[in-house]
Protein backbone atom coordinates (compact mmCIF):
# COMPACT_ATOMS: atom_id res chain seq x y z
CA MET A 1 0.00 0.00 0.00
CA ASP A 2 1.22 3.44 -0.88
CA PRO A 3 1.48 5.42 2.40
CA PHE A 4 0.74 8.61 0.45
CA ASP A 5 -2.57 7.15 -0.76
CA ALA A 6 -5.42 9.43 0.30
CA GLY A 7 -7.57 6.39 1.02
CA ALA A 8 -8.21 4.93 4.46
CA GLY A 9 -4.98 4.46 6.34
CA GLY A 10 -2.97 6.73 4.05
CA ILE A 11 -0.82 9.54 5.36
CA LEU A 12 -3.50 12.10 4.43
CA ARG A 13 -6.35 10.27 6.17
CA GLN A 14 -5.29 10.11 9.78
CA PRO A 15 -7.25 10.89 12.97
CA LYS A 16 -7.07 14.35 14.52
CA ALA A 17 -5.01 12.93 17.39
CA VAL A 18 -2.27 11.91 14.95
CA TRP A 19 -2.23 15.32 13.28
CA ALA A 20 -2.17 17.08 16.65
CA THR A 21 0.83 15.05 17.79
CA ALA A 22 2.59 15.43 14.44
CA GLY A 23 2.04 19.19 14.49
CA ALA A 24 3.50 19.48 17.96
CA SER A 25 6.43 17.32 16.76
CA VAL A 26 7.19 19.87 14.02
CA VAL A 27 7.50 22.59 16.66
CA ALA A 28 9.57 20.32 18.93
CA PHE A 29 12.10 19.68 16.18
CA MET A 30 12.08 23.36 15.25
CA GLY A 31 13.58 24.02 18.67
CA ILE A 32 16.82 22.25 17.69
CA GLY A 33 17.77 24.64 14.89
CA LEU A 34 15.78 27.66 16.07
CA VAL A 35 18.78 29.43 17.58
CA ASP A 36 21.10 28.81 14.61
CA PRO A 37 20.57 32.09 12.73
CA ILE A 38 20.43 34.18 15.92
CA LEU A 39 23.56 32.85 17.65
CA PRO A 40 25.63 35.92 16.65
CA SER A 41 22.73 38.18 17.73
CA ILE A 42 22.50 36.45 21.10
CA ALA A 43 26.26 36.81 21.58
CA LYS A 44 26.03 40.52 20.82
CA GLY A 45 22.90 41.08 22.92
CA LEU A 46 24.28 39.35 25.99
CA ASP A 47 27.91 40.41 25.47
CA ALA A 48 29.02 36.77 25.24
CA SER A 49 31.65 34.90 23.26
CA ALA A 50 30.94 32.26 20.62
CA SER A 51 31.97 29.47 22.99
CA GLN A 52 29.61 30.78 25.68
CA VAL A 53 26.65 31.05 23.31
CA SER A 54 27.36 27.58 21.91
CA LEU A 55 26.58 26.24 25.39
CA LEU A 56 22.92 26.71 24.37
CA PHE A 57 23.35 23.50 22.40
CA THR A 58 25.58 21.81 24.98
CA SER A 59 23.18 22.23 27.90
CA TYR A 60 20.21 21.26 25.72
CA PHE A 61 21.70 18.02 24.44
CA LEU A 62 23.52 17.08 27.63
CA ILE A 63 20.20 17.06 29.47
CA THR A 64 18.59 15.29 26.50
CA ALA A 65 21.21 12.52 26.68
CA VAL A 66 20.70 11.91 30.40
CA ALA A 67 16.92 12.18 30.02
CA MET A 68 16.97 9.24 27.62
CA LEU A 69 17.43 7.00 30.65
CA VAL A 70 14.34 8.54 32.23
CA THR A 71 11.82 8.91 29.40
CA GLY A 72 10.97 5.20 29.10
CA PHE A 73 10.80 4.91 32.88
CA VAL A 74 8.30 7.79 32.99
CA SER A 75 6.13 6.93 29.97
CA SER A 76 5.79 3.27 30.97
CA ARG A 77 4.31 4.42 34.29
CA ILE A 78 2.16 7.45 33.51
CA GLY A 79 1.31 6.69 29.87
CA GLY A 80 2.15 8.30 26.55
CA ARG A 81 -0.41 11.12 26.63
CA ARG A 82 0.64 12.40 30.04
CA THR A 83 4.31 12.14 29.10
CA LEU A 84 3.68 14.23 25.98
CA LEU A 85 1.80 16.86 27.98
CA LEU A 86 4.49 16.96 30.66
CA GLY A 87 7.18 17.46 28.01
CA LEU A 88 5.17 20.17 26.25
CA ALA A 89 4.50 21.99 29.52
CA LEU A 90 8.21 22.04 30.36
CA VAL A 91 9.06 23.40 26.90
CA VAL A 92 6.43 26.15 27.21
CA VAL A 93 7.77 27.23 30.60
CA PHE A 94 11.49 27.10 29.82
CA ALA A 95 11.26 28.49 26.27
CA GLY A 96 9.30 31.42 27.65
CA LEU A 97 11.81 31.95 30.46
CA ALA A 98 14.68 31.78 27.92
CA GLY A 99 13.25 34.85 26.22
CA THR A 100 13.49 36.80 29.50
CA SER A 101 17.18 35.99 30.12
CA ASP A 102 19.52 38.82 31.12
CA THR A 103 22.72 36.74 31.08
CA VAL A 104 24.05 33.92 28.95
CA GLY A 105 24.17 31.74 32.09
CA GLN A 106 20.43 32.11 32.59
CA LEU A 107 19.77 31.34 28.94
CA VAL A 108 21.94 28.21 29.05
CA GLY A 109 20.12 27.04 32.18
CA TYR A 110 16.69 27.56 30.65
CA ARG A 111 17.76 25.69 27.52
CA ALA A 112 18.65 22.74 29.76
CA GLY A 113 15.10 22.67 31.12
CA TRP A 114 13.84 23.00 27.56
CA GLY A 115 15.96 19.98 26.61
CA LEU A 116 14.35 17.86 29.34
CA GLY A 117 10.87 18.74 28.10
CA ASN A 118 11.81 18.10 24.49
CA ALA A 119 13.33 14.72 25.37
CA LEU A 120 10.13 13.62 27.12
CA PHE A 121 8.02 14.74 24.18
CA VAL A 122 10.14 13.57 21.23
CA SER A 123 10.94 10.16 22.71
CA THR A 124 7.22 9.45 23.14
CA ALA A 125 5.70 11.13 20.08
CA LEU A 126 6.36 8.37 17.54
CA ALA A 127 4.89 5.74 19.86
CA VAL A 128 1.74 7.80 20.24
CA ILE A 129 1.45 8.51 16.51
CA VAL A 130 1.84 4.83 15.65
CA GLY A 131 -0.63 3.83 18.36
CA ALA A 132 -3.30 6.30 17.19
CA ALA A 133 -2.73 6.00 13.44
CA ALA A 134 -5.12 4.37 11.00
CA GLY A 135 -3.93 1.72 8.56
CA GLY A 136 -0.76 0.46 10.27
CA SER A 137 2.60 1.96 11.10
CA ALA A 138 4.05 2.71 7.63
CA ALA A 139 2.09 5.91 7.01
CA ALA A 140 2.43 6.96 10.66
CA ILE A 141 6.21 6.65 10.60
CA LEU A 142 6.42 8.52 7.31
CA LEU A 143 4.28 11.28 8.83
CA TYR A 144 6.59 11.45 11.85
CA GLU A 145 9.73 11.55 9.71
CA SER A 146 8.12 14.28 7.62
CA ALA A 147 7.38 16.25 10.80
CA LEU A 148 11.01 15.85 11.84
CA GLY A 149 12.30 17.12 8.52
CA LEU A 150 9.81 19.98 8.36
CA GLY A 151 10.73 21.05 11.89
CA MET A 152 14.46 20.95 11.19
CA ALA A 153 13.88 23.01 8.04
CA CYS A 154 11.51 25.57 9.54
CA GLY A 155 13.39 26.08 12.81
CA PRO A 156 16.15 28.27 11.34
CA LEU A 157 13.64 30.12 9.16
CA VAL A 158 11.36 30.96 12.10
CA GLY A 159 14.38 31.88 14.18
CA ALA A 160 15.52 34.27 11.47
CA LEU A 161 12.11 35.89 10.89
CA LEU A 162 11.42 36.49 14.58
CA GLY A 163 15.05 37.03 15.54
CA ASP A 164 15.55 39.87 13.09
CA ALA A 165 13.53 42.11 15.44
CA SER A 166 14.97 40.69 18.67
CA TRP A 167 16.82 37.52 19.61
CA ARG A 168 14.21 37.03 22.37
CA TYR A 169 11.22 36.64 20.05
CA PRO A 170 12.02 33.12 18.74
CA PHE A 171 11.91 31.81 22.31
CA PHE A 172 8.55 33.46 22.99
CA GLY A 173 7.28 32.20 19.63
CA THR A 174 8.25 28.62 20.46
CA ALA A 175 6.52 28.82 23.84
CA PHE A 176 3.35 30.10 22.13
CA LEU A 177 3.35 27.37 19.46
CA MET A 178 4.02 24.64 22.01
CA ALA A 179 1.14 25.95 24.12
CA ILE A 180 -1.13 25.49 21.09
CA GLY A 181 0.25 21.95 20.70
CA PHE A 182 -0.49 21.30 24.38
CA LEU A 183 -4.12 22.36 23.90
CA CYS A 184 -4.54 20.30 20.73
CA ILE A 185 -3.20 17.13 22.34
CA THR A 186 -5.34 17.74 25.43
CA VAL A 187 -8.47 17.97 23.26
CA PHE A 188 -7.83 15.39 20.52
CA LEU A 189 -5.59 12.68 21.99
CA LYS A 190 -6.97 9.95 24.22
CA GLU A 191 -4.69 8.03 26.55
CA GLN A 192 -2.74 5.22 24.86
CA PRO A 193 -2.41 1.74 26.37
CA LYS A 194 0.54 1.44 28.72
CA PRO A 195 3.22 -1.17 27.86
CA ALA A 196 2.82 -4.51 29.56
CA ARG A 197 6.27 -4.22 31.15
CA ARG A 198 7.61 -1.17 32.94
CA THR A 199 11.03 0.11 31.88
CA SER A 200 13.72 0.47 34.54
CA LEU A 201 16.35 3.20 34.55
CA LEU A 202 19.11 0.66 33.87
CA ASP A 203 17.45 -1.19 30.97
CA PRO A 204 18.96 1.12 28.29
CA ILE A 205 22.44 0.64 29.75
CA ARG A 206 22.01 -3.13 29.79
CA ALA A 207 20.85 -3.05 26.17
CA LEU A 208 24.21 -1.56 25.17
CA GLY A 209 25.78 -4.88 26.12
CA HIS A 210 24.70 -6.08 22.69
CA GLY A 211 27.65 -5.70 20.34
CA GLY A 212 25.61 -4.50 17.39
CA LEU A 213 23.73 -1.83 19.31
CA ALA A 214 26.93 -0.66 21.02
CA SER A 215 28.66 -0.43 17.62
CA ALA A 216 25.77 1.59 16.17
CA ALA A 217 25.86 3.91 19.18
CA VAL A 218 29.63 4.47 18.97
CA SER A 219 29.50 5.12 15.23
CA ALA A 220 26.59 7.53 15.74
CA PHE A 221 28.54 9.27 18.52
CA PHE A 222 31.32 10.16 16.06
CA TYR A 223 28.81 11.11 13.37
CA ASN A 224 26.85 13.37 15.72
CA TYR A 225 30.01 15.29 16.59
CA THR A 226 30.32 16.13 12.90
CA PHE A 227 26.61 16.86 12.54
CA PHE A 228 26.51 19.35 15.41
CA THR A 229 29.76 21.01 14.47
CA VAL A 230 27.96 21.98 11.26
CA LEU A 231 24.76 22.97 13.06
CA ALA A 232 26.22 24.92 15.98
CA PHE A 233 29.55 26.31 14.75
CA THR A 234 28.91 27.12 11.08
CA PRO A 235 26.70 30.19 11.81
CA PHE A 236 29.75 31.94 13.27
CA VAL A 237 31.79 31.01 10.21
CA LEU A 238 29.15 32.24 7.76
CA ASP A 239 28.79 35.50 9.75
CA MET A 240 25.57 36.49 7.98
CA THR A 241 22.43 38.39 8.94
CA PRO A 242 19.70 36.32 10.63
CA TYR A 243 17.64 36.36 7.40
CA LYS A 244 20.48 35.09 5.22
CA SER A 245 21.65 32.54 7.77
CA GLY A 246 18.07 31.36 8.23
CA ALA A 247 17.70 30.93 4.47
CA VAL A 248 20.88 28.83 4.31
CA PHE A 249 19.75 26.53 7.09
CA PHE A 250 16.22 26.37 5.70
CA ALA A 251 17.66 25.00 2.44
CA TRP A 252 19.82 22.67 4.56
CA GLY A 253 16.72 21.43 6.38
CA VAL A 254 14.76 20.90 3.16
CA LEU A 255 17.51 18.65 1.81
CA LEU A 256 17.65 16.84 5.16
CA ALA A 257 13.91 16.15 4.99
CA VAL A 258 13.87 15.07 1.33
CA PHE A 259 16.87 12.76 1.62
CA SER A 260 15.72 11.30 4.93
CA VAL A 261 12.18 10.46 3.84
CA LEU A 262 12.44 9.90 0.08
CA VAL A 263 16.03 9.28 -1.04
CA ALA A 264 17.60 7.21 1.75
CA PRO A 265 15.11 4.30 1.56
CA ARG A 266 15.67 3.98 -2.20
CA MET A 267 19.44 4.05 -1.75
CA GLN A 268 19.22 1.37 0.91
CA GLU A 269 17.05 -0.75 -1.36
CA ARG A 270 19.66 -0.60 -4.10
CA PHE A 271 22.98 -0.65 -2.23
CA GLY A 272 22.27 -1.88 1.30
CA SER A 273 22.22 0.05 4.56
CA LEU A 274 25.85 -0.34 5.60
CA LYS A 275 27.29 0.64 2.22
CA VAL A 276 25.04 3.68 2.08
CA LEU A 277 25.98 4.72 5.60
CA GLY A 278 29.72 4.25 5.13
CA GLY A 279 29.74 6.11 1.84
CA SER A 280 27.61 8.95 3.19
CA LEU A 281 29.91 9.42 6.20
CA VAL A 282 32.99 9.64 3.97
CA LEU A 283 31.26 12.18 1.73
CA LEU A 284 30.24 14.18 4.81
CA ALA A 285 33.89 14.26 5.91
CA ALA A 286 34.92 15.66 2.52
CA ASP A 287 32.06 18.16 2.63
CA VAL A 288 33.04 19.64 6.00
CA LEU A 289 36.68 19.91 4.94
CA VAL A 290 35.69 22.02 1.94
CA LEU A 291 33.33 23.97 4.21
CA GLY A 292 36.22 24.79 6.53
CA TYR A 293 38.88 25.60 3.94
CA GLY A 294 36.84 26.97 1.01
CA GLY A 295 35.73 30.53 0.52
CA HIS A 296 32.48 32.04 1.76
CA THR A 297 30.44 30.77 -1.21
CA ALA A 298 31.88 27.28 -0.80
CA ALA A 299 30.97 27.36 2.89
CA ILE A 300 27.36 28.22 2.05
CA VAL A 301 27.09 25.51 -0.61
CA CYS A 302 28.70 22.85 1.59
CA THR A 303 26.51 23.75 4.55
CA ILE A 304 23.40 23.24 2.43
CA LEU A 305 24.70 20.03 0.83
CA SER A 306 25.54 18.56 4.23
CA GLY A 307 21.78 18.45 4.87
CA ALA A 308 21.39 15.74 2.22
CA LEU A 309 24.12 13.57 3.76
CA ILE A 310 22.82 14.14 7.29
CA GLY A 311 19.32 13.15 6.16
CA VAL A 312 20.61 9.86 4.75
CA ASN A 313 22.64 9.13 7.87
CA ASN A 314 19.74 9.85 10.22
CA THR A 315 17.48 7.36 8.46
CA VAL A 316 20.04 4.56 8.36
CA TYR A 317 21.13 5.04 11.96
CA THR A 318 17.48 4.91 13.05
CA GLU A 319 17.02 1.54 11.40
CA LEU A 320 20.27 0.20 12.84
CA ALA A 321 19.37 1.23 16.38
CA LEU A 322 15.84 -0.18 16.17
CA GLY A 323 16.70 -3.39 14.37
CA VAL A 324 20.19 -4.59 15.20
CA SER A 325 19.52 -6.02 18.69
CA ASP A 326 16.79 -8.08 20.33
CA ALA A 327 16.09 -5.44 22.98
CA PRO A 328 12.64 -3.81 22.92
CA ARG A 329 12.78 -0.86 20.59
CA PRO A 330 12.18 1.87 23.19
CA VAL A 331 14.93 0.41 25.37
CA ALA A 332 17.38 0.02 22.48
CA SER A 333 16.60 3.53 21.28
CA ALA A 334 17.13 5.01 24.75
CA GLY A 335 20.52 3.33 25.14
CA TYR A 336 21.61 4.37 21.66
CA ASN A 337 20.48 7.96 22.16
CA PHE A 338 22.11 8.13 25.58
CA VAL A 339 25.48 7.56 23.91
CA ARG A 340 25.11 9.61 20.74
CA TRP A 341 23.59 12.76 22.28
CA PHE A 342 26.73 13.27 24.35
CA ALA A 343 28.51 14.08 21.09
CA ALA A 344 25.76 16.58 20.24
CA ALA A 345 26.53 18.22 23.59
CA ALA A 346 30.32 18.09 23.10
CA ALA A 347 30.64 19.48 19.56
CA PRO A 348 29.08 22.93 20.20
CA TYR A 349 31.40 23.36 23.20
CA PHE A 350 34.65 22.11 21.71
CA ALA A 351 34.37 23.55 18.18
CA PRO A 352 34.69 27.23 19.26
CA LYS A 353 37.27 26.26 21.88
CA ILE A 354 39.38 24.55 19.22
CA GLU A 355 39.10 27.70 17.11
CA GLU A 356 40.36 29.78 20.07
CA TRP A 357 43.30 27.41 20.56
CA THR A 358 44.19 27.12 16.86
CA ASP A 359 42.30 28.76 13.97
CA ILE A 360 38.89 28.67 12.33
CA HIS A 361 39.77 25.76 10.01
CA VAL A 362 40.77 23.14 12.59
CA PRO A 363 37.28 22.52 14.06
CA PHE A 364 36.22 21.28 10.63
CA VAL A 365 39.30 19.04 10.38
CA VAL A 366 38.26 17.45 13.69
CA ALA A 367 34.70 17.09 12.39
CA ALA A 368 35.96 15.39 9.23
CA VAL A 369 38.05 12.98 11.32
CA THR A 370 35.08 12.04 13.49
CA ALA A 371 32.95 11.34 10.40
CA VAL A 372 35.67 9.02 9.08
CA LEU A 373 35.89 7.33 12.48
CA GLY A 374 32.15 6.70 12.31
CA ALA A 375 32.61 5.07 8.90
CA LEU A 376 35.50 2.95 10.20
CA VAL A 377 33.33 1.63 13.02
CA VAL A 378 30.73 0.61 10.43
CA LEU A 379 33.42 -1.11 8.35
CA VAL A 380 35.13 -2.93 11.22
CA ARG A 381 31.91 -3.92 12.98
CA ARG A 382 29.84 -4.67 9.88
CA ARG A 383 29.09 -8.24 10.95
CA ALA A 384 27.83 -7.10 14.34
CA LEU A 385 25.72 -4.45 12.61
CA THR A 386 23.99 -7.08 10.44
CA LEU A 387 20.91 -8.89 11.71
CA PRO A 388 21.50 -12.68 11.86
CA HIS A 389 18.08 -13.25 10.25
CA SER A 390 18.44 -10.57 7.55
CA ARG A 391 17.43 -11.62 4.08
CA PRO A 392 18.65 -10.11 0.81
CA ARG A 393 16.49 -7.32 -0.57
CA SER A 394 14.84 -7.70 -3.93
CA SER A 395 17.80 -6.03 -5.60
CA GLY A 396 20.02 -8.90 -4.61
CA GLY A 397 23.14 -9.16 -2.48
CA THR A 398 24.14 -10.89 0.74
CA PRO A 399 22.78 -10.08 4.17
CA GLU A 400 26.13 -8.61 5.12
CA ALA A 401 25.99 -6.28 2.16
CA GLN A 402 22.41 -5.30 2.81
CA GLY A 403 22.66 -4.59 6.52
CA PRO A 404 19.70 -4.71 8.89
CA GLN A 405 16.24 -4.32 7.48
CA PRO A 406 13.78 -1.74 8.81
CA ARG A 407 11.73 -2.83 11.80
CA HIS A 408 9.19 -0.13 12.42
CA ALA A 409 6.40 -2.03 14.14
CA THR A 410 5.84 -1.22 17.80
CA GLU A 411 7.08 -3.46 20.57
CA ASP A 412 5.68 -3.50 24.10
CA GLY A 413 3.25 -0.87 22.87
CA VAL A 414 5.97 1.70 22.15
CA ALA A 415 8.19 2.66 19.23
CA VAL A 416 10.75 5.42 19.45
CA SER A 417 12.53 7.31 16.68
CA THR A 418 16.22 7.89 17.10
CA ASN A 419 16.58 10.85 14.79
């Protein structure tokens, strides 16, 4: 069945509860790139350095990483709907407070609270969408991935439009939109069935004892360092107005969405997951090197093109994390995300520090090296990253060449995206 079919069960014929959750997911993912085009404005407004302002990402993702051990524990006890509402409420409060900040320390602290709310919401949203969707999980997952891509694309654009008047407005705007999402979910979403088994705080750590999942997490750790060097450090390199920077990252986000939802699955079908991932990581390494050493035009072009490679990587890593081990998907996802989000916290902190210690080119050299390290992990651990029961795809090839196949159905009543 075509998930885009407008008939029953298609992506366009879903219950209001699904659309409400998907809409709130767009805003949640907007929050990741929202501050990109206004980072220089925030630095100027609060008299802060680039390394200080980059802590907005570090605090956000550090809390997100730790929260991954908590989200399953919480949602398996209070249910998906209440977890979503709790996450949304925290985002509304802390995003609003972020707009009132007088110092960069306050802003960093409020972003940490925002990260906790976003972790609770995002880690539960896919499970709720799949549980409430009509016609099976395929259309629901595509809708969620589309929401992710749309949010990543629109975040910088909204940040630029509102941030051109004041760097505070994007934070107030996010709080307002999330409040609308809170009301929509309150009205349209009924409580979802709780999983039969409650998740403990240590289950995600135990899941990392599986060699394949641990390998996927380590490879994704290196990749995420590269990803968030581009996302958090490049705005200072481009040194553009909020409008122009927002336009660059909007184009970046569009490519991320298109390649994640439409292109990556076709590439996997033809070449296999592990070959696609390894090749994409090597190309990303080359891209960030040109970004760092090329001229201003080259930096703009490479920033936009990196969105395509990041979109491919996100899709393949999601499938690896959800399918490579026998752990329940929410548990495997939590353990995987616990590891990889630490790199998302580290890159925004270390990239400007490395520039202070050396020059503006070296952070991109480090980012290129980490992308290659991620590819090497895939190469060396390719057997562990292949499902024992994988079968060749219709295009032919061995299981080792194809890599793990997508496993999107829910398990224990929950499914969690790792993007």
